[in-house]
Amino acid sequence: MADSPHHGRIAIHCTMPYAMSQDDKLIDFSAERAKRVHDLNEKRLNEVRQAFEQAMPLGKAKKKPKNKPKKR
């Protein structure tokens, strides 16, 4: 099934003689679903990022002072 060229695609055929070609009617539902899932995940990521920025604002990066090596 993974070798099939139409894996994840559902063809919608129209029987009207004046309709567009069948290739124009193909909808790749798995690709469309992947786009929607990606957009939803991106939205959720942005919301979480904004919440973290409000809770813990990122200030300018402070340089760590170089400590002298400890004597043993």
Protein backbone atom coordinates (compact mmCIF):
# COMPACT_ATOMS: atom_id res chain seq x y z
CA MET A 1 0.00 0.00 0.00
CA ALA A 2 2.92 2.37 0.69
CA ASP A 3 4.14 1.76 -2.88
CA SER A 4 0.87 2.99 -4.37
CA PRO A 5 1.21 6.34 -6.19
CA HIS A 6 -2.16 7.42 -4.78
CA HIS A 7 -1.41 6.61 -1.13
CA GLY A 8 -3.22 9.10 1.07
CA ARG A 9 -5.15 10.61 -1.83
CA ILE A 10 -8.83 10.28 -2.54
CA ALA A 11 -10.01 10.95 -6.05
CA ILE A 12 -13.26 12.82 -6.50
CA HIS A 13 -14.69 12.11 -9.95
CA CYS A 14 -17.40 14.04 -11.69
CA THR A 15 -19.51 12.25 -14.28
CA MET A 16 -20.55 15.39 -16.15
CA PRO A 17 -19.01 15.47 -19.65
CA TYR A 18 -18.15 19.20 -19.50
CA ALA A 19 -16.38 18.96 -16.12
CA MET A 20 -12.68 19.62 -15.61
CA SER A 21 -10.21 16.81 -16.06
CA GLN A 22 -9.94 14.28 -13.27
CA ASP A 23 -6.44 15.48 -12.30
CA ASP A 24 -7.88 18.93 -11.53
CA LYS A 25 -10.36 17.33 -9.16
CA LEU A 26 -7.83 15.35 -7.09
CA ILE A 27 -7.54 16.49 -3.50
CA ASP A 28 -4.65 15.29 -1.36
CA PHE A 29 -6.47 15.05 1.96
CA SER A 30 -3.40 13.90 3.88
CA ALA A 31 -1.44 16.95 2.72
CA GLU A 32 -4.32 19.29 3.51
CA ARG A 33 -4.69 17.74 6.97
CA ALA A 34 -0.95 18.07 7.55
CA LYS A 35 -1.15 21.77 6.68
CA ARG A 36 -4.03 22.31 9.14
CA VAL A 37 -2.26 20.36 11.89
CA HIS A 38 0.92 22.37 11.26
CA ASP A 39 -1.01 25.65 11.44
CA LEU A 40 -2.73 24.60 14.68
CA ASN A 41 0.59 23.55 16.23
CA GLU A 42 2.20 26.82 15.13
CA LYS A 43 -0.67 28.79 16.71
CA ARG A 44 -0.39 26.82 19.96
CA LEU A 45 3.40 27.29 20.00
CA ASN A 46 3.04 31.05 19.55
CA GLU A 47 0.46 31.22 22.36
CA VAL A 48 2.72 29.29 24.74
CA ARG A 49 5.71 31.42 23.71
CA GLN A 50 3.77 34.62 24.44
CA ALA A 51 2.63 33.26 27.81
CA PHE A 52 6.22 32.46 28.77
CA GLU A 53 7.42 35.88 27.63
CA GLN A 54 4.79 37.54 29.82
CA ALA A 55 5.55 35.33 32.82
CA MET A 56 9.33 35.43 32.47
CA PRO A 57 10.44 38.29 30.20
CA LEU A 58 13.76 37.73 28.53
CA GLY A 59 16.13 40.46 29.55
CA LYS A 60 19.44 41.23 27.97
CA ALA A 61 21.83 38.33 28.28
CA LYS A 62 24.13 38.93 31.21
CA LYS A 63 27.72 37.91 30.80
CA LYS A 64 28.93 35.56 33.46
CA PRO A 65 31.94 36.95 35.28
CA LYS A 66 35.05 34.88 34.82
CA ASN A 67 35.95 33.38 38.15
CA LYS A 68 39.51 32.92 39.18
CA PRO A 69 40.57 29.30 39.14
CA LYS A 70 40.31 27.68 42.56
CA LYS A 71 43.54 26.84 44.31
CA ARG A 72 43.85 23.29 45.52
